[in-house]
Amino acid sequence: MQDFPAFFRSPLSGSLLDPGDTGFVMAEWIADPDPPGAERIEIAPFHRHLHDDEAWYVLEGTLGFRFDDREFDIPAGGAVIAPAGTAHTYWNAGPTPARYILVMPRRIHHLIASLHDPARADQSLDEKFAAFDSELVGEVGKT
């Protein structure tokens, strides 16, 4: 078993709680509001994880979600889970920054890391998602 301090993070803001030998990772992130007059800016392209669930807990502000063909907003204090196989995306749905906790299986965490890894810049989004048991749905960025 790992050293006990690996199992907590205080504060979590801006970092990960990732002890390394557990089944999931927690991250606290902030989504800035869209610029005035801009179209909605999605945090992730519309996609699905074939065998993994993903969950959000909104600490401040409001996040908007699309699950399959349904859209809804989750205000501060609310939580939502996208079950495996559910096509989803999300965005800041309010005029102020949205602060939230994302709880994800390790595979989704690795997918997110690959999306931001300059060494994988030559891979298409489809290839990156497929490598982590996920897939893009429909036209990227369109809802």
Protein backbone atom coordinates (compact mmCIF):
# COMPACT_ATOMS: atom_id res chain seq x y z
CA MET A 1 0.00 0.00 0.00
CA GLN A 2 1.23 3.47 -0.83
CA ASP A 3 2.23 6.06 1.71
CA PHE A 4 -0.91 7.55 3.31
CA PRO A 5 -0.30 11.16 2.09
CA ALA A 6 -0.77 9.97 -1.50
CA PHE A 7 -4.47 9.48 -0.71
CA PHE A 8 -5.31 13.10 0.04
CA ARG A 9 -4.72 16.53 -1.50
CA SER A 10 -5.33 19.81 0.26
CA PRO A 11 -6.13 21.97 -1.47
CA LEU A 12 -7.22 20.01 -4.55
CA SER A 13 -7.64 23.17 -6.64
CA GLY A 14 -5.50 23.11 -9.76
CA SER A 15 -4.15 19.62 -9.14
CA LEU A 16 -5.12 15.96 -9.20
CA LEU A 17 -5.76 13.43 -6.49
CA ASP A 18 -4.14 10.46 -8.18
CA PRO A 19 -2.62 7.95 -5.75
CA GLY A 20 -1.59 5.72 -8.64
CA ASP A 21 -3.02 2.38 -7.57
CA THR A 22 -6.73 3.23 -7.31
CA GLY A 23 -9.42 2.88 -9.94
CA PHE A 24 -10.20 6.59 -10.29
CA VAL A 25 -8.75 10.09 -10.23
CA MET A 26 -10.24 13.36 -8.92
CA ALA A 27 -9.48 16.81 -10.32
CA GLU A 28 -10.76 20.27 -9.47
CA TRP A 29 -10.92 22.55 -12.49
CA ILE A 30 -12.26 25.97 -13.42
CA ALA A 31 -14.08 26.72 -16.68
CA ASP A 32 -14.05 30.37 -17.66
CA PRO A 33 -17.25 31.87 -19.05
CA ASP A 34 -17.57 32.30 -22.81
CA PRO A 35 -16.53 35.72 -24.10
CA PRO A 36 -19.47 38.10 -24.66
CA GLY A 37 -21.19 37.38 -27.98
CA ALA A 38 -19.28 34.14 -28.55
CA GLU A 39 -20.92 30.85 -29.43
CA ARG A 40 -20.90 28.23 -26.70
CA ILE A 41 -17.41 26.85 -26.09
CA GLU A 42 -17.52 23.19 -25.12
CA ILE A 43 -14.87 21.91 -22.73
CA ALA A 44 -14.76 18.55 -24.50
CA PRO A 45 -15.96 17.44 -27.92
CA PHE A 46 -19.19 15.42 -28.04
CA HIS A 47 -18.03 11.88 -27.23
CA ARG A 48 -18.77 8.68 -25.33
CA HIS A 49 -16.72 6.34 -23.20
CA LEU A 50 -17.60 2.79 -24.14
CA HIS A 51 -16.99 1.19 -20.72
CA ASP A 52 -16.33 4.03 -18.25
CA ASP A 53 -18.58 6.30 -16.19
CA GLU A 54 -17.63 9.93 -15.50
CA ALA A 55 -18.95 12.30 -12.80
CA TRP A 56 -18.96 16.05 -12.03
CA TYR A 57 -19.73 17.97 -8.85
CA VAL A 58 -20.23 21.72 -9.37
CA LEU A 59 -18.69 23.83 -6.59
CA GLU A 60 -19.33 27.33 -8.02
CA GLY A 61 -21.14 28.67 -11.07
CA THR A 62 -23.11 26.52 -13.49
CA LEU A 63 -22.10 23.82 -15.95
CA GLY A 64 -24.24 22.95 -18.96
CA PHE A 65 -24.35 19.37 -20.22
CA ARG A 66 -25.53 17.51 -23.27
CA PHE A 67 -26.22 13.82 -22.70
CA ASP A 68 -27.24 12.16 -25.98
CA ASP A 69 -30.00 14.50 -27.26
CA ARG A 70 -30.85 16.18 -23.92
CA GLU A 71 -29.35 19.42 -22.59
CA PHE A 72 -29.50 20.64 -18.99
CA ASP A 73 -27.72 22.92 -16.52
CA ILE A 74 -26.26 21.89 -13.16
CA PRO A 75 -25.77 24.78 -10.69
CA ALA A 76 -23.39 24.91 -7.74
CA GLY A 77 -24.11 22.12 -5.29
CA GLY A 78 -25.35 19.79 -8.04
CA ALA A 79 -23.75 16.67 -9.44
CA VAL A 80 -24.18 14.51 -12.52
CA ILE A 81 -22.91 11.15 -13.75
CA ALA A 82 -22.51 10.19 -17.40
CA PRO A 83 -22.91 6.40 -17.50
CA ALA A 84 -20.72 4.44 -19.91
CA GLY A 85 -22.07 4.64 -23.45
CA THR A 86 -23.75 8.05 -22.96
CA ALA A 87 -22.64 10.59 -25.57
CA HIS A 88 -21.81 13.79 -23.71
CA THR A 89 -20.13 17.17 -23.64
CA TYR A 90 -20.18 20.07 -21.20
CA TRP A 91 -19.53 23.81 -20.97
CA ASN A 92 -19.67 26.79 -18.63
CA ALA A 93 -23.35 27.76 -18.76
CA GLY A 94 -23.08 30.94 -16.72
CA PRO A 95 -21.56 34.41 -16.74
CA THR A 96 -18.95 33.63 -14.06
CA PRO A 97 -16.22 30.99 -13.80
CA ALA A 98 -17.52 27.50 -13.00
CA ARG A 99 -15.44 25.54 -10.50
CA TYR A 100 -16.03 21.81 -10.41
CA ILE A 101 -14.68 18.45 -9.39
CA LEU A 102 -14.35 15.77 -12.04
CA VAL A 103 -14.24 12.14 -10.86
CA MET A 104 -13.03 9.80 -13.57
CA PRO A 105 -11.60 6.34 -14.08
CA ARG A 106 -7.89 6.26 -14.71
CA ARG A 107 -8.46 5.53 -18.43
CA ILE A 108 -10.38 8.81 -18.90
CA HIS A 109 -7.63 10.68 -17.05
CA HIS A 110 -5.09 9.21 -19.49
CA LEU A 111 -7.32 10.23 -22.42
CA ILE A 112 -7.43 13.84 -21.16
CA ALA A 113 -3.66 13.83 -20.70
CA SER A 114 -3.19 12.55 -24.27
CA LEU A 115 -5.36 15.37 -25.63
CA HIS A 116 -2.93 17.90 -24.11
CA ASP A 117 0.30 16.00 -24.88
CA PRO A 118 2.36 17.78 -27.57
CA ALA A 119 4.13 14.47 -28.31
CA ARG A 120 0.80 13.12 -29.60
CA ALA A 121 0.04 16.13 -31.82
CA ASP A 122 0.32 13.97 -34.95
CA GLN A 123 -2.59 11.75 -33.81
CA SER A 124 -6.14 12.65 -34.85
CA LEU A 125 -8.81 13.17 -32.19
CA ASP A 126 -10.47 9.96 -33.37
CA GLU A 127 -7.21 8.03 -32.78
CA LYS A 128 -6.70 9.55 -29.34
CA PHE A 129 -10.24 8.73 -28.21
CA ALA A 130 -10.10 5.19 -29.67
CA ALA A 131 -6.84 4.50 -27.81
CA PHE A 132 -8.74 4.98 -24.53
CA ASP A 133 -11.92 3.00 -25.29
CA SER A 134 -13.86 6.13 -26.27
CA GLU A 135 -15.21 7.64 -29.47
CA LEU A 136 -16.23 10.98 -30.89
CA VAL A 137 -19.91 11.30 -31.76
CA GLY A 138 -21.14 13.28 -34.75
CA GLU A 139 -19.41 16.41 -35.95
CA VAL A 140 -16.78 17.63 -33.49
CA GLY A 141 -17.90 20.72 -31.56
CA LYS A 142 -21.42 20.80 -33.01
CA THR A 143 -24.48 20.27 -30.85
